[in-house]
């Protein structure tokens, strides 16, 4: 199966949920997935709660919240990559992100794209 590389281009929580849902669907089908958070979107990979987290509302609908989606992605073997420039711009440290998140850059992401499909949110 062709792999999937996803770029999250903004720190929008709804786009992050859509990207994570797409990534998890691809992984469920047996495909490889890399999810790259570009610039300000690296903050979406943080362990700490965010003002735009809607845990209670999502739980009421039977849906996972942002930290649960990250845990599900990790359990599914999805590579989570934080933009190195984004870390510098936001002042977020790699240690503040969810365990297992790797730092990387756009050039290396594209250089290793191979036959993967590329989607951006």
PDB file of N, CA and C in Angstrom:
ATOM      1  N   UNK A   1       0.842  -1.181   0.000  1.00  0.00           N
ATOM      2  CA  UNK A   1       0.000   0.000   0.000  1.00  0.00           C
ATOM      3  C   UNK A   1       0.888   1.245   0.000  1.00  0.00           C
ATOM      4  N   UNK A   2       0.480   2.225  -0.742  1.00  0.00           N
ATOM      5  CA  UNK A   2       1.199   3.491  -0.795  1.00  0.00           C
ATOM      6  C   UNK A   2       1.115   4.187   0.556  1.00  0.00           C
ATOM      7  N   UNK A   3       2.238   4.739   1.006  1.00  0.00           N
ATOM      8  CA  UNK A   3       2.271   5.460   2.271  1.00  0.00           C
ATOM      9  C   UNK A   3       1.611   6.826   2.153  1.00  0.00           C
ATOM     10  N   UNK A   4       1.420   7.461   3.286  1.00  0.00           N
ATOM     11  CA  UNK A   4       0.786   8.775   3.348  1.00  0.00           C
ATOM     12  C   UNK A   4       1.608   9.691   4.240  1.00  0.00           C
ATOM     13  N   UNK A   5       1.939  10.852   3.717  1.00  0.00           N
ATOM     14  CA  UNK A   5       2.607  11.888   4.500  1.00  0.00           C
ATOM     15  C   UNK A   5       1.643  13.061   4.604  1.00  0.00           C
ATOM     16  N   UNK A   6       1.392  13.498   5.830  1.00  0.00           N
ATOM     17  CA  UNK A   6       0.441  14.578   6.092  1.00  0.00           C
ATOM     18  C   UNK A   6       1.186  15.762   6.683  1.00  0.00           C
ATOM     19  N   UNK A   7       0.922  16.945   6.130  1.00  0.00           N
ATOM     20  CA  UNK A   7       1.476  18.189   6.665  1.00  0.00           C
ATOM     21  C   UNK A   7       0.332  18.974   7.301  1.00  0.00           C
ATOM     22  N   UNK A   8       0.501  19.320   8.568  1.00  0.00           N
ATOM     23  CA  UNK A   8      -0.460  20.191   9.247  1.00  0.00           C
ATOM     24  C   UNK A   8       0.143  21.586   9.232  1.00  0.00           C
ATOM     25  N   UNK A   9      -0.508  22.504   8.519  1.00  0.00           N
ATOM     26  CA  UNK A   9       0.077  23.813   8.251  1.00  0.00           C
ATOM     27  C   UNK A   9      -0.340  24.907   9.225  1.00  0.00           C
ATOM     28  N   UNK A  10      -1.324  24.634  10.081  1.00  0.00           N
ATOM     29  CA  UNK A  10      -1.752  25.674  11.022  1.00  0.00           C
ATOM     30  C   UNK A  10      -2.050  25.037  12.375  1.00  0.00           C
ATOM     31  N   UNK A  11      -2.177  25.864  13.384  1.00  0.00           N
ATOM     32  CA  UNK A  11      -2.438  25.377  14.740  1.00  0.00           C
ATOM     33  C   UNK A  11      -3.930  25.237  15.023  1.00  0.00           C
ATOM     34  N   UNK A  12      -4.717  25.067  13.987  1.00  0.00           N
ATOM     35  CA  UNK A  12      -6.162  24.939  14.114  1.00  0.00           C
ATOM     36  C   UNK A  12      -6.530  23.542  14.636  1.00  0.00           C
ATOM     37  N   UNK A  13      -7.242  23.487  15.749  1.00  0.00           N
ATOM     38  CA  UNK A  13      -7.576  22.212  16.387  1.00  0.00           C
ATOM     39  C   UNK A  13      -8.463  21.333  15.504  1.00  0.00           C
ATOM     40  N   UNK A  14      -9.396  21.929  14.773  1.00  0.00           N
ATOM     41  CA  UNK A  14     -10.286  21.142  13.911  1.00  0.00           C
ATOM     42  C   UNK A  14      -9.511  20.509  12.758  1.00  0.00           C
ATOM     43  N   UNK A  15      -8.577  21.251  12.179  1.00  0.00           N
ATOM     44  CA  UNK A  15      -7.752  20.684  11.103  1.00  0.00           C
ATOM     45  C   UNK A  15      -6.864  19.567  11.646  1.00  0.00           C
ATOM     46  N   UNK A  16      -6.361  19.749  12.862  1.00  0.00           N
ATOM     47  CA  UNK A  16      -5.541  18.712  13.487  1.00  0.00           C
ATOM     48  C   UNK A  16      -6.354  17.434  13.659  1.00  0.00           C
ATOM     49  N   UNK A  17      -7.597  17.564  14.141  1.00  0.00           N
ATOM     50  CA  UNK A  17      -8.459  16.386  14.306  1.00  0.00           C
ATOM     51  C   UNK A  17      -8.697  15.702  12.966  1.00  0.00           C
ATOM     52  N   UNK A  18      -8.944  16.481  11.925  1.00  0.00           N
ATOM     53  CA  UNK A  18      -9.172  15.896  10.598  1.00  0.00           C
ATOM     54  C   UNK A  18      -7.921  15.182  10.098  1.00  0.00           C
ATOM     55  N   UNK A  19      -6.767  15.793  10.305  1.00  0.00           N
ATOM     56  CA  UNK A  19      -5.509  15.175   9.883  1.00  0.00           C
ATOM     57  C   UNK A  19      -5.250  13.886  10.652  1.00  0.00           C
ATOM     58  N   UNK A  20      -5.500  13.909  11.961  1.00  0.00           N
ATOM     59  CA  UNK A  20      -5.304  12.711  12.776  1.00  0.00           C
ATOM     60  C   UNK A  20      -6.281  11.612  12.372  1.00  0.00           C
ATOM     61  N   UNK A  21      -7.518  11.966  12.084  1.00  0.00           N
ATOM     62  CA  UNK A  21      -8.499  10.974  11.642  1.00  0.00           C
ATOM     63  C   UNK A  21      -8.062  10.331  10.333  1.00  0.00           C
ATOM     64  N   UNK A  22      -7.551  11.139   9.419  1.00  0.00           N
ATOM     65  CA  UNK A  22      -7.053  10.626   8.142  1.00  0.00           C
ATOM     66  C   UNK A  22      -5.862   9.707   8.366  1.00  0.00           C
ATOM     67  N   UNK A  23      -4.945  10.131   9.225  1.00  0.00           N
ATOM     68  CA  UNK A  23      -3.759   9.324   9.526  1.00  0.00           C
ATOM     69  C   UNK A  23      -4.152   7.989  10.145  1.00  0.00           C
ATOM     70  N   UNK A  24      -5.070   8.012  11.091  1.00  0.00           N
ATOM     71  CA  UNK A  24      -5.502   6.781  11.752  1.00  0.00           C
ATOM     72  C   UNK A  24      -6.234   5.852  10.787  1.00  0.00           C
ATOM     73  N   UNK A  25      -7.007   6.408   9.872  1.00  0.00           N
ATOM     74  CA  UNK A  25      -7.688   5.585   8.869  1.00  0.00           C
ATOM     75  C   UNK A  25      -6.673   4.894   7.964  1.00  0.00           C
ATOM     76  N   UNK A  26      -5.653   5.632   7.531  1.00  0.00           N
ATOM     77  CA  UNK A  26      -4.603   5.055   6.687  1.00  0.00           C
ATOM     78  C   UNK A  26      -3.880   3.937   7.429  1.00  0.00           C
ATOM     79  N   UNK A  27      -3.559   4.173   8.686  1.00  0.00           N
ATOM     80  CA  UNK A  27      -2.872   3.149   9.483  1.00  0.00           C
ATOM     81  C   UNK A  27      -3.763   1.918   9.665  1.00  0.00           C
ATOM     82  N   UNK A  28      -5.062   2.127   9.862  1.00  0.00           N
ATOM     83  CA  UNK A  28      -5.992   1.009  10.024  1.00  0.00           C
ATOM     84  C   UNK A  28      -6.064   0.152   8.762  1.00  0.00           C
ATOM     85  N   UNK A  29      -5.827   0.782   7.620  1.00  0.00           N
ATOM     86  CA  UNK A  29      -5.820   0.055   6.348  1.00  0.00           C
ATOM     87  C   UNK A  29      -4.486  -0.631   6.082  1.00  0.00           C
ATOM     88  N   UNK A  30      -3.532  -0.440   6.985  1.00  0.00           N
ATOM     89  CA  UNK A  30      -2.236  -1.098   6.848  1.00  0.00           C
ATOM     90  C   UNK A  30      -1.161  -0.268   6.180  1.00  0.00           C
ATOM     91  N   UNK A  31      -1.440   1.000   5.922  1.00  0.00           N
ATOM     92  CA  UNK A  31      -0.460   1.861   5.272  1.00  0.00           C
ATOM     93  C   UNK A  31       0.416   2.600   6.266  1.00  0.00           C
ATOM     94  N   UNK A  32       1.595   2.967   5.820  1.00  0.00           N
ATOM     95  CA  UNK A  32       2.490   3.763   6.661  1.00  0.00           C
ATOM     96  C   UNK A  32       2.041   5.223   6.631  1.00  0.00           C
ATOM     97  N   UNK A  33       2.284   5.910   7.744  1.00  0.00           N
ATOM     98  CA  UNK A  33       1.853   7.305   7.858  1.00  0.00           C
ATOM     99  C   UNK A  33       2.909   8.110   8.591  1.00  0.00           C
ATOM    100  N   UNK A  34       3.175   9.308   8.052  1.00  0.00           N
ATOM    101  CA  UNK A  34       3.991  10.309   8.747  1.00  0.00           C
ATOM    102  C   UNK A  34       3.148  11.565   8.860  1.00  0.00           C
ATOM    103  N   UNK A  35       3.116  12.151  10.050  1.00  0.00           N
ATOM    104  CA  UNK A  35       2.354  13.366  10.278  1.00  0.00           C
ATOM    105  C   UNK A  35       3.332  14.452  10.723  1.00  0.00           C
ATOM    106  N   UNK A  36       3.453  15.486   9.908  1.00  0.00           N
ATOM    107  CA  UNK A  36       4.423  16.557  10.127  1.00  0.00           C
ATOM    108  C   UNK A  36       3.688  17.825  10.538  1.00  0.00           C
ATOM    109  N   UNK A  37       3.976  18.330  11.729  1.00  0.00           N
ATOM    110  CA  UNK A  37       3.385  19.583  12.203  1.00  0.00           C
ATOM    111  C   UNK A  37       4.321  20.730  11.859  1.00  0.00           C
ATOM    112  N   UNK A  38       3.866  21.603  10.973  1.00  0.00           N
ATOM    113  CA  UNK A  38       4.672  22.710  10.457  1.00  0.00           C
ATOM    114  C   UNK A  38       4.492  23.970  11.307  1.00  0.00           C
ATOM    115  N   UNK A  39       5.596  24.631  11.576  1.00  0.00           N
ATOM    116  CA  UNK A  39       5.651  25.903  12.308  1.00  0.00           C
ATOM    117  C   UNK A  39       4.750  25.901  13.545  1.00  0.00           C
ATOM    118  N   UNK A  40       3.763  26.801  13.630  1.00  0.00           N
ATOM    119  CA  UNK A  40       2.974  26.959  14.861  1.00  0.00           C
ATOM    120  C   UNK A  40       2.181  25.712  15.241  1.00  0.00           C
ATOM    121  N   UNK A  41       1.945  24.828  14.287  1.00  0.00           N
ATOM    122  CA  UNK A  41       1.157  23.632  14.602  1.00  0.00           C
ATOM    123  C   UNK A  41       1.901  22.650  15.505  1.00  0.00           C
ATOM    124  N   UNK A  42       3.207  22.857  15.736  1.00  0.00           N
ATOM    125  CA  UNK A  42       3.931  21.962  16.654  1.00  0.00           C
ATOM    126  C   UNK A  42       3.303  21.990  18.050  1.00  0.00           C
ATOM    127  N   UNK A  43       2.686  23.097  18.415  1.00  0.00           N
ATOM    128  CA  UNK A  43       2.061  23.210  19.739  1.00  0.00           C
ATOM    129  C   UNK A  43       0.917  22.211  19.925  1.00  0.00           C
ATOM    130  N   UNK A  44       0.351  21.721  18.827  1.00  0.00           N
ATOM    131  CA  UNK A  44      -0.723  20.733  18.915  1.00  0.00           C
ATOM    132  C   UNK A  44      -0.226  19.382  19.422  1.00  0.00           C
ATOM    133  N   UNK A  45       1.082  19.172  19.366  1.00  0.00           N
ATOM    134  CA  UNK A  45       1.672  17.923  19.848  1.00  0.00           C
ATOM    135  C   UNK A  45       2.093  18.006  21.314  1.00  0.00           C
ATOM    136  N   UNK A  46       1.809  19.132  21.961  1.00  0.00           N
ATOM    137  CA  UNK A  46       2.222  19.336  23.353  1.00  0.00           C
ATOM    138  C   UNK A  46       1.470  18.415  24.303  1.00  0.00           C
ATOM    139  N   UNK A  47       2.147  18.058  25.380  1.00  0.00           N
ATOM    140  CA  UNK A  47       1.516  17.247  26.432  1.00  0.00           C
ATOM    141  C   UNK A  47       0.516  18.080  27.227  1.00  0.00           C
ATOM    142  N   UNK A  48       0.832  19.354  27.409  1.00  0.00           N
ATOM    143  CA  UNK A  48       0.013  20.233  28.253  1.00  0.00           C
ATOM    144  C   UNK A  48      -1.336  20.527  27.594  1.00  0.00           C
ATOM    145  N   UNK A  49      -2.367  20.750  28.415  1.00  0.00           N
ATOM    146  CA  UNK A  49      -3.675  21.138  27.871  1.00  0.00           C
ATOM    147  C   UNK A  49      -3.576  22.468  27.123  1.00  0.00           C
ATOM    148  N   UNK A  50      -4.468  22.635  26.156  1.00  0.00           N
ATOM    149  CA  UNK A  50      -4.542  23.873  25.374  1.00  0.00           C
ATOM    150  C   UNK A  50      -5.910  24.506  25.599  1.00  0.00           C
ATOM    151  N   UNK A  51      -5.984  25.808  25.385  1.00  0.00           N
ATOM    152  CA  UNK A  51      -7.253  26.517  25.546  1.00  0.00           C
ATOM    153  C   UNK A  51      -8.323  26.011  24.583  1.00  0.00           C
ATOM    154  N   UNK A  52      -7.903  25.526  23.408  1.00  0.00           N
ATOM    155  CA  UNK A  52      -8.879  25.073  22.419  1.00  0.00           C
ATOM    156  C   UNK A  52      -9.182  23.574  22.511  1.00  0.00           C
ATOM    157  N   UNK A  53      -8.653  22.903  23.536  1.00  0.00           N
ATOM    158  CA  UNK A  53      -9.014  21.501  23.758  1.00  0.00           C
ATOM    159  C   UNK A  53     -10.484  21.440  24.176  1.00  0.00           C
ATOM    160  N   UNK A  54     -11.223  20.532  23.599  1.00  0.00           N
ATOM    161  CA  UNK A  54     -12.638  20.387  23.936  1.00  0.00           C
ATOM    162  C   UNK A  54     -12.902  18.973  24.440  1.00  0.00           C
ATOM    163  N   UNK A  55     -12.138  18.578  25.453  1.00  0.00           N
ATOM    164  CA  UNK A  55     -12.265  17.237  25.995  1.00  0.00           C
ATOM    165  C   UNK A  55     -13.671  16.864  26.423  1.00  0.00           C
ATOM    166  N   UNK A  56     -14.335  17.702  27.260  1.00  0.00           N
ATOM    167  CA  UNK A  56     -15.681  17.340  27.711  1.00  0.00           C
ATOM    168  C   UNK A  56     -16.694  17.237  26.563  1.00  0.00           C
ATOM    169  N   UNK A  57     -16.632  18.169  25.640  1.00  0.00           N
ATOM    170  CA  UNK A  57     -17.562  18.134  24.506  1.00  0.00           C
ATOM    171  C   UNK A  57     -17.346  16.917  23.623  1.00  0.00           C
ATOM    172  N   UNK A  58     -16.084  16.589  23.397  1.00  0.00           N
ATOM    173  CA  UNK A  58     -15.773  15.418  22.579  1.00  0.00           C
ATOM    174  C   UNK A  58     -16.163  14.135  23.304  1.00  0.00           C
ATOM    175  N   UNK A  59     -15.877  14.075  24.603  1.00  0.00           N
ATOM    176  CA  UNK A  59     -16.222  12.886  25.388  1.00  0.00           C
ATOM    177  C   UNK A  59     -17.731  12.654  25.382  1.00  0.00           C
ATOM    178  N   UNK A  60     -18.502  13.743  25.463  1.00  0.00           N
ATOM    179  CA  UNK A  60     -19.958  13.623  25.447  1.00  0.00           C
ATOM    180  C   UNK A  60     -20.452  13.015  24.137  1.00  0.00           C
ATOM    181  N   UNK A  61     -19.695  13.242  23.068  1.00  0.00           N
ATOM    182  CA  UNK A  61     -20.051  12.686  21.762  1.00  0.00           C
ATOM    183  C   UNK A  61     -19.377  11.339  21.509  1.00  0.00           C
ATOM    184  N   UNK A  62     -18.623  10.854  22.499  1.00  0.00           N
ATOM    185  CA  UNK A  62     -17.939   9.573  22.347  1.00  0.00           C
ATOM    186  C   UNK A  62     -16.692   9.636  21.487  1.00  0.00           C
ATOM    187  N   UNK A  63     -16.094  10.827  21.398  1.00  0.00           N
ATOM    188  CA  UNK A  63     -14.915  11.019  20.555  1.00  0.00           C
ATOM    189  C   UNK A  63     -13.670  11.250  21.400  1.00  0.00           C
ATOM    190  N   UNK A  64     -12.507  10.842  20.894  1.00  0.00           N
ATOM    191  CA  UNK A  64     -11.265  11.069  21.635  1.00  0.00           C
ATOM    192  C   UNK A  64     -10.842  12.534  21.571  1.00  0.00           C
ATOM    193  N   UNK A  65     -10.215  13.009  22.646  1.00  0.00           N
ATOM    194  CA  UNK A  65      -9.683  14.369  22.649  1.00  0.00           C
ATOM    195  C   UNK A  65      -8.286  14.375  22.018  1.00  0.00           C
ATOM    196  N   UNK A  66      -7.667  15.541  21.958  1.00  0.00           N
ATOM    197  CA  UNK A  66      -6.359  15.700  21.311  1.00  0.00           C
ATOM    198  C   UNK A  66      -5.301  14.768  21.901  1.00  0.00           C
ATOM    199  N   UNK A  67      -5.121  14.728  23.233  1.00  0.00           N
ATOM    200  CA  UNK A  67      -4.121  13.798  23.769  1.00  0.00           C
ATOM    201  C   UNK A  67      -4.429  12.332  23.444  1.00  0.00           C
ATOM    202  N   UNK A  68      -5.703  11.973  23.440  1.00  0.00           N
ATOM    203  CA  UNK A  68      -6.073  10.591  23.103  1.00  0.00           C
ATOM    204  C   UNK A  68      -5.775  10.288  21.639  1.00  0.00           C
ATOM    205  N   UNK A  69      -6.009  11.250  20.755  1.00  0.00           N
ATOM    206  CA  UNK A  69      -5.682  11.049  19.340  1.00  0.00           C
ATOM    207  C   UNK A  69      -4.182  10.836  19.155  1.00  0.00           C
ATOM    208  N   UNK A  70      -3.387  11.615  19.887  1.00  0.00           N
ATOM    209  CA  UNK A  70      -1.930  11.459  19.802  1.00  0.00           C
ATOM    210  C   UNK A  70      -1.531  10.067  20.280  1.00  0.00           C
ATOM    211  N   UNK A  71      -2.108   9.621  21.386  1.00  0.00           N
ATOM    212  CA  UNK A  71      -1.809   8.283  21.908  1.00  0.00           C
ATOM    213  C   UNK A  71      -2.240   7.201  20.919  1.00  0.00           C
ATOM    214  N   UNK A  72      -3.388   7.383  20.291  1.00  0.00           N
ATOM    215  CA  UNK A  72      -3.863   6.423  19.296  1.00  0.00           C
ATOM    216  C   UNK A  72      -2.919   6.375  18.100  1.00  0.00           C
ATOM    217  N   UNK A  73      -2.449   7.544  17.674  1.00  0.00           N
ATOM    218  CA  UNK A  73      -1.514   7.601  16.545  1.00  0.00           C
ATOM    219  C   UNK A  73      -0.218   6.877  16.889  1.00  0.00           C
ATOM    220  N   UNK A  74       0.276   7.105  18.085  1.00  0.00           N
ATOM    221  CA  UNK A  74       1.513   6.440  18.501  1.00  0.00           C
ATOM    222  C   UNK A  74       1.320   4.931  18.556  1.00  0.00           C
ATOM    223  N   UNK A  75       0.188   4.482  19.086  1.00  0.00           N
ATOM    224  CA  UNK A  75      -0.093   3.047  19.169  1.00  0.00           C
ATOM    225  C   UNK A  75      -0.221   2.418  17.784  1.00  0.00           C
ATOM    226  N   UNK A  76      -0.657   3.217  16.805  1.00  0.00           N
ATOM    227  CA  UNK A  76      -0.823   2.728  15.435  1.00  0.00           C
ATOM    228  C   UNK A  76       0.475   2.786  14.632  1.00  0.00           C
ATOM    229  N   UNK A  77       1.540   3.297  15.242  1.00  0.00           N
ATOM    230  CA  UNK A  77       2.823   3.365  14.548  1.00  0.00           C
ATOM    231  C   UNK A  77       2.983   4.560  13.627  1.00  0.00           C
ATOM    232  N   UNK A  78       2.164   5.571  13.805  1.00  0.00           N
ATOM    233  CA  UNK A  78       2.257   6.786  12.991  1.00  0.00           C
ATOM    234  C   UNK A  78       3.432   7.618  13.480  1.00  0.00           C
ATOM    235  N   UNK A  79       4.295   8.020  12.562  1.00  0.00           N
ATOM    236  CA  UNK A  79       5.435   8.871  12.909  1.00  0.00           C
ATOM    237  C   UNK A  79       4.941  10.300  13.094  1.00  0.00           C
ATOM    238  N   UNK A  80       5.190  10.869  14.264  1.00  0.00           N
ATOM    239  CA  UNK A  80       4.811  12.252  14.562  1.00  0.00           C
ATOM    240  C   UNK A  80       6.071  13.100  14.526  1.00  0.00           C
ATOM    241  N   UNK A  81       6.073  14.104  13.652  1.00  0.00           N
ATOM    242  CA  UNK A  81       7.267  14.915  13.425  1.00  0.00           C
ATOM    243  C   UNK A  81       6.943  16.381  13.690  1.00  0.00           C
ATOM    244  N   UNK A  82       7.763  17.027  14.507  1.00  0.00           N
ATOM    245  CA  UNK A  82       7.613  18.451  14.815  1.00  0.00           C
ATOM    246  C   UNK A  82       8.638  19.247  14.017  1.00  0.00           C
ATOM    247  N   UNK A  83       8.181  20.271  13.339  1.00  0.00           N
ATOM    248  CA  UNK A  83       9.040  21.152  12.545  1.00  0.00           C
ATOM    249  C   UNK A  83      10.089  21.816  13.446  1.00  0.00           C
ATOM    250  N   UNK A  84      11.339  21.682  13.072  1.00  0.00           N
ATOM    251  CA  UNK A  84      12.416  22.291  13.857  1.00  0.00           C
ATOM    252  C   UNK A  84      12.280  23.807  13.895  1.00  0.00           C
ATOM    253  N   UNK A  85      11.919  24.402  12.783  1.00  0.00           N
ATOM    254  CA  UNK A  85      11.712  25.849  12.744  1.00  0.00           C
ATOM    255  C   UNK A  85      10.541  26.233  13.645  1.00  0.00           C
ATOM    256  N   UNK A  86       9.493  25.435  13.624  1.00  0.00           N
ATOM    257  CA  UNK A  86       8.336  25.688  14.474  1.00  0.00           C
ATOM    258  C   UNK A  86       8.676  25.641  15.948  1.00  0.00           C
ATOM    259  N   UNK A  87       9.535  24.700  16.326  1.00  0.00           N
ATOM    260  CA  UNK A  87       9.967  24.633  17.721  1.00  0.00           C
ATOM    261  C   UNK A  87      10.675  25.927  18.111  1.00  0.00           C
ATOM    262  N   UNK A  88      11.535  26.416  17.223  1.00  0.00           N
ATOM    263  CA  UNK A  88      12.263  27.658  17.497  1.00  0.00           C
ATOM    264  C   UNK A  88      11.313  28.863  17.530  1.00  0.00           C
ATOM    265  N   UNK A  89      10.371  28.918  16.588  1.00  0.00           N
ATOM    266  CA  UNK A  89       9.436  30.048  16.517  1.00  0.00           C
ATOM    267  C   UNK A  89       8.508  30.123  17.724  1.00  0.00           C
ATOM    268  N   UNK A  90       8.053  28.976  18.189  1.00  0.00           N
ATOM    269  CA  UNK A  90       7.074  28.950  19.276  1.00  0.00           C
ATOM    270  C   UNK A  90       7.714  28.894  20.655  1.00  0.00           C
ATOM    271  N   UNK A  91       8.995  28.554  20.703  1.00  0.00           N
ATOM    272  CA  UNK A  91       9.663  28.399  21.987  1.00  0.00           C
ATOM    273  C   UNK A  91       9.291  27.107  22.697  1.00  0.00           C
ATOM    274  N   UNK A  92       8.607  26.225  21.995  1.00  0.00           N
ATOM    275  CA  UNK A  92       8.238  24.925  22.554  1.00  0.00           C
ATOM    276  C   UNK A  92       9.446  24.004  22.444  1.00  0.00           C
ATOM    277  N   UNK A  93       9.733  23.280  23.512  1.00  0.00           N
ATOM    278  CA  UNK A  93      10.851  22.337  23.470  1.00  0.00           C
ATOM    279  C   UNK A  93      10.342  20.961  23.063  1.00  0.00           C
ATOM    280  N   UNK A  94      11.229  20.173  22.519  1.00  0.00           N
ATOM    281  CA  UNK A  94      10.875  18.811  22.134  1.00  0.00           C
ATOM    282  C   UNK A  94      10.403  18.017  23.354  1.00  0.00           C
ATOM    283  N   UNK A  95      10.983  18.308  24.510  1.00  0.00           N
ATOM    284  CA  UNK A  95      10.607  17.618  25.746  1.00  0.00           C
ATOM    285  C   UNK A  95       9.175  17.944  26.179  1.00  0.00           C
ATOM    286  N   UNK A  96       8.644  19.093  25.751  1.00  0.00           N
ATOM    287  CA  UNK A  96       7.279  19.483  26.111  1.00  0.00           C
ATOM    288  C   UNK A  96       6.231  18.791  25.241  1.00  0.00           C
ATOM    289  N   UNK A  97       6.695  18.134  24.188  1.00  0.00           N
ATOM    290  CA  UNK A  97       5.774  17.454  23.279  1.00  0.00           C
ATOM    291  C   UNK A  97       5.520  16.027  23.754  1.00  0.00           C
ATOM    292  N   UNK A  98       4.511  15.415  23.180  1.00  0.00           N
ATOM    293  CA  UNK A  98       4.184  14.031  23.524  1.00  0.00           C
ATOM    294  C   UNK A  98       5.400  13.143  23.312  1.00  0.00           C
ATOM    295  N   UNK A  99       5.504  12.141  24.151  1.00  0.00           N
ATOM    296  CA  UNK A  99       6.627  11.213  24.062  1.00  0.00           C
ATOM    297  C   UNK A  99       6.662  10.566  22.679  1.00  0.00           C
ATOM    298  N   UNK A 100       7.859  10.472  22.125  1.00  0.00           N
ATOM    299  CA  UNK A 100       8.030   9.822  20.833  1.00  0.00           C
ATOM    300  C   UNK A 100       7.984  10.751  19.637  1.00  0.00           C
ATOM    301  N   UNK A 101       7.607  12.021  19.845  1.00  0.00           N
ATOM    302  CA  UNK A 101       7.607  12.980  18.739  1.00  0.00           C
ATOM    303  C   UNK A 101       9.052  13.265  18.355  1.00  0.00           C
ATOM    304  N   UNK A 102       9.323  13.260  17.062  1.00  0.00           N
ATOM    305  CA  UNK A 102      10.662  13.533  16.555  1.00  0.00           C
ATOM    306  C   UNK A 102      10.707  14.936  15.970  1.00  0.00           C
ATOM    307  N   UNK A 103      11.878  15.550  16.001  1.00  0.00           N
ATOM    308  CA  UNK A 103      12.074  16.838  15.323  1.00  0.00           C
ATOM    309  C   UNK A 103      12.531  16.551  13.900  1.00  0.00           C
ATOM    310  N   UNK A 104      12.085  17.378  12.971  1.00  0.00           N
ATOM    311  CA  UNK A 104      12.476  17.201  11.575  1.00  0.00           C
ATOM    312  C   UNK A 104      12.210  18.463  10.791  1.00  0.00           C
ATOM    313  N   UNK A 105      12.655  18.469   9.562  1.00  0.00           N
ATOM    314  CA  UNK A 105      12.476  19.632   8.708  1.00  0.00           C
ATOM    315  C   UNK A 105      11.747  19.290   7.422  1.00  0.00           C
ATOM    316  N   UNK A 106      11.243  20.311   6.764  1.00  0.00           N
ATOM    317  CA  UNK A 106      10.501  20.137   5.524  1.00  0.00           C
ATOM    318  C   UNK A 106      11.374  19.522   4.431  1.00  0.00           C
ATOM    319  N   UNK A 107      12.629  19.938   4.360  1.00  0.00           N
ATOM    320  CA  UNK A 107      13.511  19.416   3.312  1.00  0.00           C
ATOM    321  C   UNK A 107      13.683  17.908   3.466  1.00  0.00           C
ATOM    322  N   UNK A 108      13.976  17.463   4.688  1.00  0.00           N
ATOM    323  CA  UNK A 108      14.157  16.019   4.890  1.00  0.00           C
ATOM    324  C   UNK A 108      12.844  15.266   4.690  1.00  0.00           C
ATOM    325  N   UNK A 109      11.733  15.880   5.056  1.00  0.00           N
ATOM    326  CA  UNK A 109      10.430  15.248   4.852  1.00  0.00           C
ATOM    327  C   UNK A 109      10.194  14.995   3.368  1.00  0.00           C
ATOM    328  N   UNK A 110      10.418  16.012   2.567  1.00  0.00           N
ATOM    329  CA  UNK A 110      10.191  15.878   1.127  1.00  0.00           C
ATOM    330  C   UNK A 110      11.246  15.006   0.456  1.00  0.00           C
ATOM    331  N   UNK A 111      12.474  15.049   0.967  1.00  0.00           N
ATOM    332  CA  UNK A 111      13.545  14.232   0.388  1.00  0.00           C
ATOM    333  C   UNK A 111      13.277  12.746   0.577  1.00  0.00           C
ATOM    334  N   UNK A 112      12.512  12.405   1.604  1.00  0.00           N
ATOM    335  CA  UNK A 112      12.215  10.997   1.881  1.00  0.00           C
ATOM    336  C   UNK A 112      10.767  10.641   1.536  1.00  0.00           C
ATOM    337  N   UNK A 113      10.112  11.473   0.758  1.00  0.00           N
ATOM    338  CA  UNK A 113       8.709  11.255   0.405  1.00  0.00           C
ATOM    339  C   UNK A 113       8.525   9.977  -0.414  1.00  0.00           C
ATOM    340  N   UNK A 114       9.440   9.715  -1.323  1.00  0.00           N
ATOM    341  CA  UNK A 114       9.326   8.522  -2.159  1.00  0.00           C
ATOM    342  C   UNK A 114       7.993   8.488  -2.882  1.00  0.00           C
ATOM    343  N   UNK A 115       7.298   7.362  -2.791  1.00  0.00           N
ATOM    344  CA  UNK A 115       6.016   7.187  -3.472  1.00  0.00           C
ATOM    345  C   UNK A 115       4.824   7.551  -2.589  1.00  0.00           C
ATOM    346  N   UNK A 116       5.085   8.074  -1.391  1.00  0.00           N
ATOM    347  CA  UNK A 116       3.989   8.468  -0.495  1.00  0.00           C
ATOM    348  C   UNK A 116       3.082   9.499  -1.152  1.00  0.00           C
ATOM    349  N   UNK A 117       1.812   9.434  -0.801  1.00  0.00           N
ATOM    350  CA  UNK A 117       0.895  10.515  -1.152  1.00  0.00           C
ATOM    351  C   UNK A 117       1.122  11.630  -0.145  1.00  0.00           C
ATOM    352  N   UNK A 118       0.969  12.864  -0.580  1.00  0.00           N
ATOM    353  CA  UNK A 118       1.198  14.029   0.272  1.00  0.00           C
ATOM    354  C   UNK A 118      -0.107  14.804   0.402  1.00  0.00           C
ATOM    355  N   UNK A 119      -0.532  15.018   1.653  1.00  0.00           N
ATOM    356  CA  UNK A 119      -1.772  15.734   1.937  1.00  0.00           C
ATOM    357  C   UNK A 119      -1.460  16.819   2.950  1.00  0.00           C
ATOM    358  N   UNK A 120      -2.095  17.984   2.801  1.00  0.00           N
ATOM    359  CA  UNK A 120      -1.897  19.038   3.799  1.00  0.00           C
ATOM    360  C   UNK A 120      -3.243  19.468   4.365  1.00  0.00           C
ATOM    361  N   UNK A 121      -3.210  19.825   5.642  1.00  0.00           N
ATOM    362  CA  UNK A 121      -4.397  20.305   6.356  1.00  0.00           C
ATOM    363  C   UNK A 121      -4.087  21.664   6.934  1.00  0.00           C
TER     364      UNK A 121
END
